[in-house]
Amino acid sequence: MAIGDYPKEYNPAVHGPYDPARYYGKPDTPFGQVKLSELGSWFGRRNKTPQAIAGAFSRAWWRWQHKYMQPKKAGVAPFFQLLVGSMTFFYAINYGKMKHHRNYKYH
């Protein structure tokens, strides 16, 4: 599968219009229903290639887009989510510089 191609599991006659937020592979047990004793085998069945990880991030992005950004009456939630996410990211990358400016009590 090259960039821009449909997943190999996608069949237009079976699945209908393509949805980038849907996984077209073989369904497996959802993570919320996995028992602790089955967790190792569940992770062993995951596809851990860079292409599969990029596909998972892409599906998550499109699910977020469909839920928050693309409805006809979208609210302010996606903007606050991006704001909080960017604030957290920049705090994390600048933490090393900011920790030297703490106020300590010396007594």
PDB file of N, CA and C in Angstrom:
ATOM      1  N   MET A   1       0.841  -1.171   0.000  1.00  0.00           N
ATOM      2  CA  MET A   1       0.000   0.000   0.000  1.00  0.00           C
ATOM      3  C   MET A   1       0.888   1.237   0.000  1.00  0.00           C
ATOM      4  N   ALA A   2       0.700   2.072  -0.973  1.00  0.00           N
ATOM      5  CA  ALA A   2       1.468   3.310  -1.075  1.00  0.00           C
ATOM      6  C   ALA A   2       0.683   4.452  -0.426  1.00  0.00           C
ATOM      7  N   ILE A   3       1.305   5.588  -0.336  1.00  0.00           N
ATOM      8  CA  ILE A   3       0.624   6.747   0.249  1.00  0.00           C
ATOM      9  C   ILE A   3      -0.519   7.146  -0.675  1.00  0.00           C
ATOM     10  N   GLY A   4      -1.696   7.309  -0.109  1.00  0.00           N
ATOM     11  CA  GLY A   4      -2.866   7.705  -0.882  1.00  0.00           C
ATOM     12  C   GLY A   4      -3.718   6.547  -1.355  1.00  0.00           C
ATOM     13  N   ASP A   5      -3.273   5.304  -1.179  1.00  0.00           N
ATOM     14  CA  ASP A   5      -4.062   4.147  -1.582  1.00  0.00           C
ATOM     15  C   ASP A   5      -5.014   3.745  -0.466  1.00  0.00           C
ATOM     16  N   TYR A   6      -6.065   3.014  -0.848  1.00  0.00           N
ATOM     17  CA  TYR A   6      -6.975   2.453   0.148  1.00  0.00           C
ATOM     18  C   TYR A   6      -6.294   1.275   0.840  1.00  0.00           C
ATOM     19  N   PRO A   7      -6.721   0.945   2.051  1.00  0.00           N
ATOM     20  CA  PRO A   7      -6.174  -0.247   2.702  1.00  0.00           C
ATOM     21  C   PRO A   7      -6.523  -1.491   1.893  1.00  0.00           C
ATOM     22  N   LYS A   8      -5.665  -2.511   1.961  1.00  0.00           N
ATOM     23  CA  LYS A   8      -5.899  -3.713   1.154  1.00  0.00           C
ATOM     24  C   LYS A   8      -7.145  -4.462   1.606  1.00  0.00           C
ATOM     25  N   GLU A   9      -7.571  -4.267   2.865  1.00  0.00           N
ATOM     26  CA  GLU A   9      -8.766  -4.957   3.367  1.00  0.00           C
ATOM     27  C   GLU A   9     -10.059  -4.287   2.918  1.00  0.00           C
ATOM     28  N   TYR A  10      -9.972  -3.082   2.367  1.00  0.00           N
ATOM     29  CA  TYR A  10     -11.160  -2.333   1.972  1.00  0.00           C
ATOM     30  C   TYR A  10     -11.719  -2.878   0.660  1.00  0.00           C
ATOM     31  N   ASN A  11     -13.025  -3.172   0.660  1.00  0.00           N
ATOM     32  CA  ASN A  11     -13.726  -3.648  -0.533  1.00  0.00           C
ATOM     33  C   ASN A  11     -14.953  -2.758  -0.723  1.00  0.00           C
ATOM     34  N   PRO A  12     -14.997  -1.949  -1.788  1.00  0.00           N
ATOM     35  CA  PRO A  12     -16.121  -1.030  -1.962  1.00  0.00           C
ATOM     36  C   PRO A  12     -17.467  -1.734  -2.083  1.00  0.00           C
ATOM     37  N   ALA A  13     -17.496  -2.945  -2.628  1.00  0.00           N
ATOM     38  CA  ALA A  13     -18.759  -3.661  -2.778  1.00  0.00           C
ATOM     39  C   ALA A  13     -19.308  -4.111  -1.420  1.00  0.00           C
ATOM     40  N   VAL A  14     -18.422  -4.356  -0.463  1.00  0.00           N
ATOM     41  CA  VAL A  14     -18.842  -4.826   0.861  1.00  0.00           C
ATOM     42  C   VAL A  14     -19.013  -3.655   1.829  1.00  0.00           C
ATOM     43  N   HIS A  15     -18.055  -2.730   1.847  1.00  0.00           N
ATOM     44  CA  HIS A  15     -18.010  -1.687   2.855  1.00  0.00           C
ATOM     45  C   HIS A  15     -18.710  -0.395   2.452  1.00  0.00           C
ATOM     46  N   GLY A  16     -18.993  -0.201   1.191  1.00  0.00           N
ATOM     47  CA  GLY A  16     -19.617   1.048   0.763  1.00  0.00           C
ATOM     48  C   GLY A  16     -18.586   2.161   0.662  1.00  0.00           C
ATOM     49  N   PRO A  17     -19.012   3.423   0.856  1.00  0.00           N
ATOM     50  CA  PRO A  17     -18.067   4.535   0.731  1.00  0.00           C
ATOM     51  C   PRO A  17     -16.940   4.424   1.747  1.00  0.00           C
ATOM     52  N   TYR A  18     -15.764   4.844   1.337  1.00  0.00           N
ATOM     53  CA  TYR A  18     -14.586   4.747   2.208  1.00  0.00           C
ATOM     54  C   TYR A  18     -14.694   5.744   3.349  1.00  0.00           C
ATOM     55  N   ASP A  19     -14.405   5.293   4.554  1.00  0.00           N
ATOM     56  CA  ASP A  19     -14.379   6.137   5.741  1.00  0.00           C
ATOM     57  C   ASP A  19     -12.973   6.058   6.332  1.00  0.00           C
ATOM     58  N   PRO A  20     -12.221   7.172   6.344  1.00  0.00           N
ATOM     59  CA  PRO A  20     -10.845   7.108   6.855  1.00  0.00           C
ATOM     60  C   PRO A  20     -10.771   6.862   8.354  1.00  0.00           C
ATOM     61  N   ALA A  21     -11.868   6.989   9.081  1.00  0.00           N
ATOM     62  CA  ALA A  21     -11.855   6.785  10.523  1.00  0.00           C
ATOM     63  C   ALA A  21     -12.165   5.345  10.910  1.00  0.00           C
ATOM     64  N   ARG A  22     -12.382   4.477   9.947  1.00  0.00           N
ATOM     65  CA  ARG A  22     -12.769   3.090  10.232  1.00  0.00           C
ATOM     66  C   ARG A  22     -11.609   2.141   9.945  1.00  0.00           C
ATOM     67  N   TYR A  23     -11.474   1.119  10.785  1.00  0.00           N
ATOM     68  CA  TYR A  23     -10.471   0.070  10.566  1.00  0.00           C
ATOM     69  C   TYR A  23     -11.124  -1.039   9.760  1.00  0.00           C
ATOM     70  N   TYR A  24     -10.563  -1.373   8.616  1.00  0.00           N
ATOM     71  CA  TYR A  24     -11.143  -2.372   7.721  1.00  0.00           C
ATOM     72  C   TYR A  24     -10.533  -3.756   7.880  1.00  0.00           C
ATOM     73  N   GLY A  25      -9.635  -3.928   8.820  1.00  0.00           N
ATOM     74  CA  GLY A  25      -9.023  -5.234   9.042  1.00  0.00           C
ATOM     75  C   GLY A  25      -9.946  -6.165   9.808  1.00  0.00           C
ATOM     76  N   LYS A  26      -9.413  -7.330  10.156  1.00  0.00           N
ATOM     77  CA  LYS A  26     -10.180  -8.328  10.889  1.00  0.00           C
ATOM     78  C   LYS A  26     -10.485  -7.797  12.293  1.00  0.00           C
ATOM     79  N   PRO A  27     -11.763  -7.819  12.713  1.00  0.00           N
ATOM     80  CA  PRO A  27     -12.080  -7.304  14.055  1.00  0.00           C
ATOM     81  C   PRO A  27     -11.503  -8.188  15.154  1.00  0.00           C
ATOM     82  N   ASP A  28     -11.119  -7.558  16.242  1.00  0.00           N
ATOM     83  CA  ASP A  28     -10.551  -8.261  17.387  1.00  0.00           C
ATOM     84  C   ASP A  28     -11.272  -7.782  18.644  1.00  0.00           C
ATOM     85  N   THR A  29     -10.941  -8.377  19.766  1.00  0.00           N
ATOM     86  CA  THR A  29     -11.547  -8.000  21.030  1.00  0.00           C
ATOM     87  C   THR A  29     -11.188  -6.549  21.351  1.00  0.00           C
ATOM     88  N   PRO A  30     -12.170  -5.691  21.668  1.00  0.00           N
ATOM     89  CA  PRO A  30     -11.849  -4.309  22.052  1.00  0.00           C
ATOM     90  C   PRO A  30     -10.993  -4.285  23.314  1.00  0.00           C
ATOM     91  N   PHE A  31     -10.136  -3.271  23.419  1.00  0.00           N
ATOM     92  CA  PHE A  31      -9.200  -3.178  24.539  1.00  0.00           C
ATOM     93  C   PHE A  31      -9.932  -3.157  25.877  1.00  0.00           C
ATOM     94  N   GLY A  32     -11.087  -2.532  25.948  1.00  0.00           N
ATOM     95  CA  GLY A  32     -11.830  -2.446  27.192  1.00  0.00           C
ATOM     96  C   GLY A  32     -12.388  -3.778  27.661  1.00  0.00           C
ATOM     97  N   GLN A  33     -12.452  -4.768  26.774  1.00  0.00           N
ATOM     98  CA  GLN A  33     -12.987  -6.075  27.138  1.00  0.00           C
ATOM     99  C   GLN A  33     -11.912  -7.140  27.333  1.00  0.00           C
ATOM    100  N   VAL A  34     -10.651  -6.751  27.247  1.00  0.00           N
ATOM    101  CA  VAL A  34      -9.546  -7.699  27.411  1.00  0.00           C
ATOM    102  C   VAL A  34      -9.292  -7.916  28.896  1.00  0.00           C
ATOM    103  N   LYS A  35      -9.189  -9.176  29.298  1.00  0.00           N
ATOM    104  CA  LYS A  35      -8.865  -9.507  30.687  1.00  0.00           C
ATOM    105  C   LYS A  35      -7.364  -9.391  30.895  1.00  0.00           C
ATOM    106  N   LEU A  36      -6.954  -9.177  32.134  1.00  0.00           N
ATOM    107  CA  LEU A  36      -5.530  -9.005  32.421  1.00  0.00           C
ATOM    108  C   LEU A  36      -4.710 -10.221  32.011  1.00  0.00           C
ATOM    109  N   SER A  37      -5.273 -11.427  32.145  1.00  0.00           N
ATOM    110  CA  SER A  37      -4.532 -12.625  31.765  1.00  0.00           C
ATOM    111  C   SER A  37      -4.355 -12.735  30.250  1.00  0.00           C
ATOM    112  N   GLU A  38      -5.213 -12.080  29.484  1.00  0.00           N
ATOM    113  CA  GLU A  38      -5.143 -12.139  28.019  1.00  0.00           C
ATOM    114  C   GLU A  38      -4.409 -10.948  27.414  1.00  0.00           C
ATOM    115  N   LEU A  39      -3.915 -10.043  28.253  1.00  0.00           N
ATOM    116  CA  LEU A  39      -3.326  -8.808  27.755  1.00  0.00           C
ATOM    117  C   LEU A  39      -2.080  -9.044  26.905  1.00  0.00           C
ATOM    118  N   GLY A  40      -1.226  -9.966  27.306  1.00  0.00           N
ATOM    119  CA  GLY A  40      -0.007 -10.252  26.542  1.00  0.00           C
ATOM    120  C   GLY A  40      -0.303 -10.795  25.163  1.00  0.00           C
ATOM    121  N   SER A  41      -1.237 -11.729  25.071  1.00  0.00           N
ATOM    122  CA  SER A  41      -1.584 -12.271  23.751  1.00  0.00           C
ATOM    123  C   SER A  41      -2.307 -11.234  22.904  1.00  0.00           C
ATOM    124  N   TRP A  42      -3.074 -10.332  23.539  1.00  0.00           N
ATOM    125  CA  TRP A  42      -3.767  -9.289  22.786  1.00  0.00           C
ATOM    126  C   TRP A  42      -2.755  -8.330  22.161  1.00  0.00           C
ATOM    127  N   PHE A  43      -1.728  -7.921  22.941  1.00  0.00           N
ATOM    128  CA  PHE A  43      -0.671  -7.069  22.386  1.00  0.00           C
ATOM    129  C   PHE A  43       0.140  -7.813  21.334  1.00  0.00           C
ATOM    130  N   GLY A  44       0.290  -9.116  21.473  1.00  0.00           N
ATOM    131  CA  GLY A  44       1.025  -9.906  20.485  1.00  0.00           C
ATOM    132  C   GLY A  44       0.324  -9.962  19.139  1.00  0.00           C
ATOM    133  N   ARG A  45      -1.001  -9.824  19.130  1.00  0.00           N
ATOM    134  CA  ARG A  45      -1.762  -9.838  17.875  1.00  0.00           C
ATOM    135  C   ARG A  45      -1.771  -8.490  17.170  1.00  0.00           C
ATOM    136  N   ARG A  46      -1.261  -7.439  17.806  1.00  0.00           N
ATOM    137  CA  ARG A  46      -1.248  -6.111  17.184  1.00  0.00           C
ATOM    138  C   ARG A  46      -0.182  -6.054  16.093  1.00  0.00           C
ATOM    139  N   ASN A  47      -0.459  -5.305  15.055  1.00  0.00           N
ATOM    140  CA  ASN A  47       0.507  -5.051  14.002  1.00  0.00           C
ATOM    141  C   ASN A  47       1.343  -3.848  14.440  1.00  0.00           C
ATOM    142  N   LYS A  48       2.646  -4.044  14.633  1.00  0.00           N
ATOM    143  CA  LYS A  48       3.501  -3.000  15.196  1.00  0.00           C
ATOM    144  C   LYS A  48       4.422  -2.359  14.158  1.00  0.00           C
ATOM    145  N   THR A  49       4.078  -2.456  12.899  1.00  0.00           N
ATOM    146  CA  THR A  49       4.900  -1.830  11.866  1.00  0.00           C
ATOM    147  C   THR A  49       4.675  -0.324  11.873  1.00  0.00           C
ATOM    148  N   PRO A  50       5.622   0.454  11.378  1.00  0.00           N
ATOM    149  CA  PRO A  50       5.424   1.909  11.322  1.00  0.00           C
ATOM    150  C   PRO A  50       4.191   2.301  10.496  1.00  0.00           C
ATOM    151  N   GLN A  51       3.911   1.550   9.452  1.00  0.00           N
ATOM    152  CA  GLN A  51       2.744   1.849   8.622  1.00  0.00           C
ATOM    153  C   GLN A  51       1.446   1.622   9.411  1.00  0.00           C
ATOM    154  N   ALA A  52       1.390   0.572  10.224  1.00  0.00           N
ATOM    155  CA  ALA A  52       0.199   0.306  11.030  1.00  0.00           C
ATOM    156  C   ALA A  52       0.027   1.362  12.119  1.00  0.00           C
ATOM    157  N   ILE A  53       1.123   1.800  12.718  1.00  0.00           N
ATOM    158  CA  ILE A  53       1.044   2.839  13.745  1.00  0.00           C
ATOM    159  C   ILE A  53       0.589   4.155  13.124  1.00  0.00           C
ATOM    160  N   ALA A  54       1.119   4.478  11.939  1.00  0.00           N
ATOM    161  CA  ALA A  54       0.679   5.694  11.248  1.00  0.00           C
ATOM    162  C   ALA A  54      -0.799   5.599  10.879  1.00  0.00           C
ATOM    163  N   GLY A  55      -1.261   4.423  10.487  1.00  0.00           N
ATOM    164  CA  GLY A  55      -2.676   4.236  10.182  1.00  0.00           C
ATOM    165  C   GLY A  55      -3.554   4.414  11.401  1.00  0.00           C
ATOM    166  N   ALA A  56      -3.087   3.944  12.554  1.00  0.00           N
ATOM    167  CA  ALA A  56      -3.851   4.111  13.795  1.00  0.00           C
ATOM    168  C   ALA A  56      -3.955   5.585  14.173  1.00  0.00           C
ATOM    169  N   PHE A  57      -2.854   6.321  14.041  1.00  0.00           N
ATOM    170  CA  PHE A  57      -2.906   7.756  14.319  1.00  0.00           C
ATOM    171  C   PHE A  57      -3.808   8.474  13.329  1.00  0.00           C
ATOM    172  N   SER A  58      -3.776   8.068  12.070  1.00  0.00           N
ATOM    173  CA  SER A  58      -4.639   8.674  11.058  1.00  0.00           C
ATOM    174  C   SER A  58      -6.112   8.423  11.365  1.00  0.00           C
ATOM    175  N   ARG A  59      -6.446   7.192  11.762  1.00  0.00           N
ATOM    176  CA  ARG A  59      -7.843   6.893  12.115  1.00  0.00           C
ATOM    177  C   ARG A  59      -8.281   7.700  13.338  1.00  0.00           C
ATOM    178  N   ALA A  60      -7.396   7.832  14.317  1.00  0.00           N
ATOM    179  CA  ALA A  60      -7.733   8.619  15.506  1.00  0.00           C
ATOM    180  C   ALA A  60      -7.949  10.084  15.133  1.00  0.00           C
ATOM    181  N   TRP A  61      -7.111  10.604  14.252  1.00  0.00           N
ATOM    182  CA  TRP A  61      -7.263  11.990  13.791  1.00  0.00           C
ATOM    183  C   TRP A  61      -8.600  12.176  13.089  1.00  0.00           C
ATOM    184  N   TRP A  62      -8.974  11.276  12.205  1.00  0.00           N
ATOM    185  CA  TRP A  62     -10.231  11.418  11.477  1.00  0.00           C
ATOM    186  C   TRP A  62     -11.432  11.221  12.382  1.00  0.00           C
ATOM    187  N   ARG A  63     -11.334  10.344  13.383  1.00  0.00           N
ATOM    188  CA  ARG A  63     -12.437  10.207  14.337  1.00  0.00           C
ATOM    189  C   ARG A  63     -12.625  11.493  15.120  1.00  0.00           C
ATOM    190  N   TRP A  64     -11.531  12.118  15.519  1.00  0.00           N
ATOM    191  CA  TRP A  64     -11.617  13.397  16.221  1.00  0.00           C
ATOM    192  C   TRP A  64     -12.208  14.466  15.312  1.00  0.00           C
ATOM    193  N   GLN A  65     -11.765  14.486  14.058  1.00  0.00           N
ATOM    194  CA  GLN A  65     -12.297  15.444  13.090  1.00  0.00           C
ATOM    195  C   GLN A  65     -13.802  15.270  12.904  1.00  0.00           C
ATOM    196  N   HIS A  66     -14.236  14.031  12.720  1.00  0.00           N
ATOM    197  CA  HIS A  66     -15.660  13.780  12.492  1.00  0.00           C
ATOM    198  C   HIS A  66     -16.497  14.112  13.717  1.00  0.00           C
ATOM    199  N   LYS A  67     -15.946  13.928  14.909  1.00  0.00           N
ATOM    200  CA  LYS A  67     -16.723  14.162  16.130  1.00  0.00           C
ATOM    201  C   LYS A  67     -16.768  15.628  16.521  1.00  0.00           C
ATOM    202  N   TYR A  68     -15.648  16.355  16.387  1.00  0.00           N
ATOM    203  CA  TYR A  68     -15.573  17.701  16.925  1.00  0.00           C
ATOM    204  C   TYR A  68     -15.497  18.807  15.877  1.00  0.00           C
ATOM    205  N   MET A  69     -14.811  18.603  14.775  1.00  0.00           N
ATOM    206  CA  MET A  69     -14.566  19.702  13.841  1.00  0.00           C
ATOM    207  C   MET A  69     -15.559  19.775  12.683  1.00  0.00           C
ATOM    208  N   GLN A  70     -16.057  18.651  12.224  1.00  0.00           N
ATOM    209  CA  GLN A  70     -16.846  18.661  11.003  1.00  0.00           C
ATOM    210  C   GLN A  70     -18.365  18.628  11.171  1.00  0.00           C
ATOM    211  N   PRO A  71     -18.937  18.534  12.377  1.00  0.00           N
ATOM    212  CA  PRO A  71     -20.400  18.619  12.477  1.00  0.00           C
ATOM    213  C   PRO A  71     -20.888  20.003  12.051  1.00  0.00           C
ATOM    214  N   LYS A  72     -22.158  20.080  11.645  1.00  0.00           N
ATOM    215  CA  LYS A  72     -22.702  21.365  11.214  1.00  0.00           C
ATOM    216  C   LYS A  72     -22.725  22.378  12.345  1.00  0.00           C
ATOM    217  N   LYS A  73     -23.007  21.908  13.551  1.00  0.00           N
ATOM    218  CA  LYS A  73     -23.059  22.816  14.693  1.00  0.00           C
ATOM    219  C   LYS A  73     -21.933  22.471  15.667  1.00  0.00           C
ATOM    220  N   ALA A  74     -20.714  22.640  15.219  1.00  0.00           N
ATOM    221  CA  ALA A  74     -19.561  22.358  16.080  1.00  0.00           C
ATOM    222  C   ALA A  74     -19.432  23.461  17.121  1.00  0.00           C
ATOM    223  N   GLY A  75     -19.108  23.084  18.331  1.00  0.00           N
ATOM    224  CA  GLY A  75     -18.963  24.048  19.420  1.00  0.00           C
ATOM    225  C   GLY A  75     -17.523  24.516  19.552  1.00  0.00           C
ATOM    226  N   VAL A  76     -17.195  24.983  20.736  1.00  0.00           N
ATOM    227  CA  VAL A  76     -15.853  25.492  20.997  1.00  0.00           C
ATOM    228  C   VAL A  76     -14.932  24.418  21.563  1.00  0.00           C
ATOM    229  N   ALA A  77     -15.445  23.205  21.778  1.00  0.00           N
ATOM    230  CA  ALA A  77     -14.644  22.141  22.387  1.00  0.00           C
ATOM    231  C   ALA A  77     -13.345  21.858  21.637  1.00  0.00           C
ATOM    232  N   PRO A  78     -13.341  21.742  20.288  1.00  0.00           N
ATOM    233  CA  PRO A  78     -12.063  21.421  19.632  1.00  0.00           C
ATOM    234  C   PRO A  78     -11.016  22.507  19.808  1.00  0.00           C
ATOM    235  N   PHE A  79     -11.438  23.752  19.879  1.00  0.00           N
ATOM    236  CA  PHE A  79     -10.467  24.837  20.048  1.00  0.00           C
ATOM    237  C   PHE A  79      -9.857  24.806  21.446  1.00  0.00           C
ATOM    238  N   PHE A  80     -10.692  24.509  22.450  1.00  0.00           N
ATOM    239  CA  PHE A  80     -10.150  24.375  23.801  1.00  0.00           C
ATOM    240  C   PHE A  80      -9.268  23.134  23.922  1.00  0.00           C
ATOM    241  N   GLN A  81      -9.612  22.057  23.225  1.00  0.00           N
ATOM    242  CA  GLN A  81      -8.774  20.858  23.251  1.00  0.00           C
ATOM    243  C   GLN A  81      -7.411  21.149  22.638  1.00  0.00           C
ATOM    244  N   LEU A  82      -7.381  21.851  21.513  1.00  0.00           N
ATOM    245  CA  LEU A  82      -6.108  22.218  20.896  1.00  0.00           C
ATOM    246  C   LEU A  82      -5.324  23.179  21.791  1.00  0.00           C
ATOM    247  N   LEU A  83      -6.026  24.104  22.440  1.00  0.00           N
ATOM    248  CA  LEU A  83      -5.368  25.057  23.331  1.00  0.00           C
ATOM    249  C   LEU A  83      -4.711  24.344  24.512  1.00  0.00           C
ATOM    250  N   VAL A  84      -5.453  23.457  25.174  1.00  0.00           N
ATOM    251  CA  VAL A  84      -4.907  22.728  26.320  1.00  0.00           C
ATOM    252  C   VAL A  84      -3.779  21.793  25.872  1.00  0.00           C
ATOM    253  N   GLY A  85      -3.953  21.145  24.720  1.00  0.00           N
ATOM    254  CA  GLY A  85      -2.900  20.267  24.203  1.00  0.00           C
ATOM    255  C   GLY A  85      -1.625  21.022  23.888  1.00  0.00           C
ATOM    256  N   SER A  86      -1.749  22.190  23.256  1.00  0.00           N
ATOM    257  CA  SER A  86      -0.547  22.963  22.934  1.00  0.00           C
ATOM    258  C   SER A  86       0.105  23.530  24.197  1.00  0.00           C
ATOM    259  N   MET A  87      -0.716  23.965  25.175  1.00  0.00           N
ATOM    260  CA  MET A  87      -0.138  24.445  26.430  1.00  0.00           C
ATOM    261  C   MET A  87       0.627  23.338  27.142  1.00  0.00           C
ATOM    262  N   THR A  88       0.065  22.132  27.166  1.00  0.00           N
ATOM    263  CA  THR A  88       0.736  21.000  27.811  1.00  0.00           C
ATOM    264  C   THR A  88       2.029  20.651  27.078  1.00  0.00           C
ATOM    265  N   PHE A  89       1.981  20.646  25.757  1.00  0.00           N
ATOM    266  CA  PHE A  89       3.172  20.324  24.961  1.00  0.00           C
ATOM    267  C   PHE A  89       4.286  21.331  25.222  1.00  0.00           C
ATOM    268  N   PHE A  90       3.976  22.622  25.166  1.00  0.00           N
ATOM    269  CA  PHE A  90       5.018  23.634  25.351  1.00  0.00           C
ATOM    270  C   PHE A  90       5.512  23.686  26.794  1.00  0.00           C
ATOM    271  N   TYR A  91       4.648  23.367  27.760  1.00  0.00           N
ATOM    272  CA  TYR A  91       5.112  23.270  29.143  1.00  0.00           C
ATOM    273  C   TYR A  91       6.112  22.122  29.277  1.00  0.00           C
ATOM    274  N   ALA A  92       5.800  20.996  28.638  1.00  0.00           N
ATOM    275  CA  ALA A  92       6.688  19.836  28.731  1.00  0.00           C
ATOM    276  C   ALA A  92       8.044  20.105  28.086  1.00  0.00           C
ATOM    277  N   ILE A  93       8.049  20.770  26.930  1.00  0.00           N
ATOM    278  CA  ILE A  93       9.351  20.996  26.278  1.00  0.00           C
ATOM    279  C   ILE A  93      10.150  22.106  26.953  1.00  0.00           C
ATOM    280  N   ASN A  94       9.493  22.993  27.701  1.00  0.00           N
ATOM    281  CA  ASN A  94      10.208  24.075  28.380  1.00  0.00           C
ATOM    282  C   ASN A  94      10.397  23.827  29.873  1.00  0.00           C
ATOM    283  N   TYR A  95      10.021  22.657  30.351  1.00  0.00           N
ATOM    284  CA  TYR A  95      10.103  22.371  31.785  1.00  0.00           C
ATOM    285  C   TYR A  95      11.536  22.475  32.296  1.00  0.00           C
ATOM    286  N   GLY A  96      12.490  22.019  31.522  1.00  0.00           N
ATOM    287  CA  GLY A  96      13.891  22.068  31.950  1.00  0.00           C
ATOM    288  C   GLY A  96      14.371  23.479  32.203  1.00  0.00           C
ATOM    289  N   LYS A  97      13.879  24.452  31.453  1.00  0.00           N
ATOM    290  CA  LYS A  97      14.267  25.848  31.647  1.00  0.00           C
ATOM    291  C   LYS A  97      13.506  26.483  32.808  1.00  0.00           C
ATOM    292  N   MET A  98      12.240  26.066  32.985  1.00  0.00           N
ATOM    293  CA  MET A  98      11.407  26.694  34.006  1.00  0.00           C
ATOM    294  C   MET A  98      11.691  26.176  35.408  1.00  0.00           C
ATOM    295  N   LYS A  99      12.216  24.976  35.540  1.00  0.00           N
ATOM    296  CA  LYS A  99      12.394  24.429  36.886  1.00  0.00           C
ATOM    297  C   LYS A  99      13.478  25.158  37.664  1.00  0.00           C
ATOM    298  N   HIS A 100      14.332  25.915  37.000  1.00  0.00           N
ATOM    299  CA  HIS A 100      15.371  26.673  37.690  1.00  0.00           C
ATOM    300  C   HIS A 100      14.833  27.978  38.278  1.00  0.00           C
ATOM    301  N   HIS A 101      13.612  28.341  37.963  1.00  0.00           N
ATOM    302  CA  HIS A 101      13.027  29.599  38.441  1.00  0.00           C
ATOM    303  C   HIS A 101      12.019  29.384  39.552  1.00  0.00           C
ATOM    304  N   ARG A 102      12.088  28.253  40.233  1.00  0.00           N
ATOM    305  CA  ARG A 102      11.169  27.983  41.329  1.00  0.00           C
ATOM    306  C   ARG A 102      11.479  28.858  42.526  1.00  0.00           C
ATOM    307  N   ASN A 103      10.459  29.124  43.311  1.00  0.00           N
ATOM    308  CA  ASN A 103      10.649  29.869  44.573  1.00  0.00           C
ATOM    309  C   ASN A 103      10.764  28.846  45.697  1.00  0.00           C
ATOM    310  N   TYR A 104      11.912  28.841  46.372  1.00  0.00           N
ATOM    311  CA  TYR A 104      12.146  27.922  47.475  1.00  0.00           C
ATOM    312  C   TYR A 104      12.185  28.696  48.789  1.00  0.00           C
ATOM    313  N   LYS A 105      11.813  28.002  49.838  1.00  0.00           N
ATOM    314  CA  LYS A 105      11.999  28.561  51.178  1.00  0.00           C
ATOM    315  C   LYS A 105      13.337  28.035  51.685  1.00  0.00           C
ATOM    316  N   TYR A 106      14.149  28.930  52.185  1.00  0.00           N
ATOM    317  CA  TYR A 106      15.492  28.547  52.624  1.00  0.00           C
ATOM    318  C   TYR A 106      15.601  28.500  54.148  1.00  0.00           C
ATOM    319  N   HIS A 107      14.509  28.401  54.841  1.00  0.00           N
ATOM    320  CA  HIS A 107      14.594  28.318  56.298  1.00  0.00           C
ATOM    321  C   HIS A 107      13.774  27.184  56.811  1.00  0.00           C
TER     322      HIS A 107
END
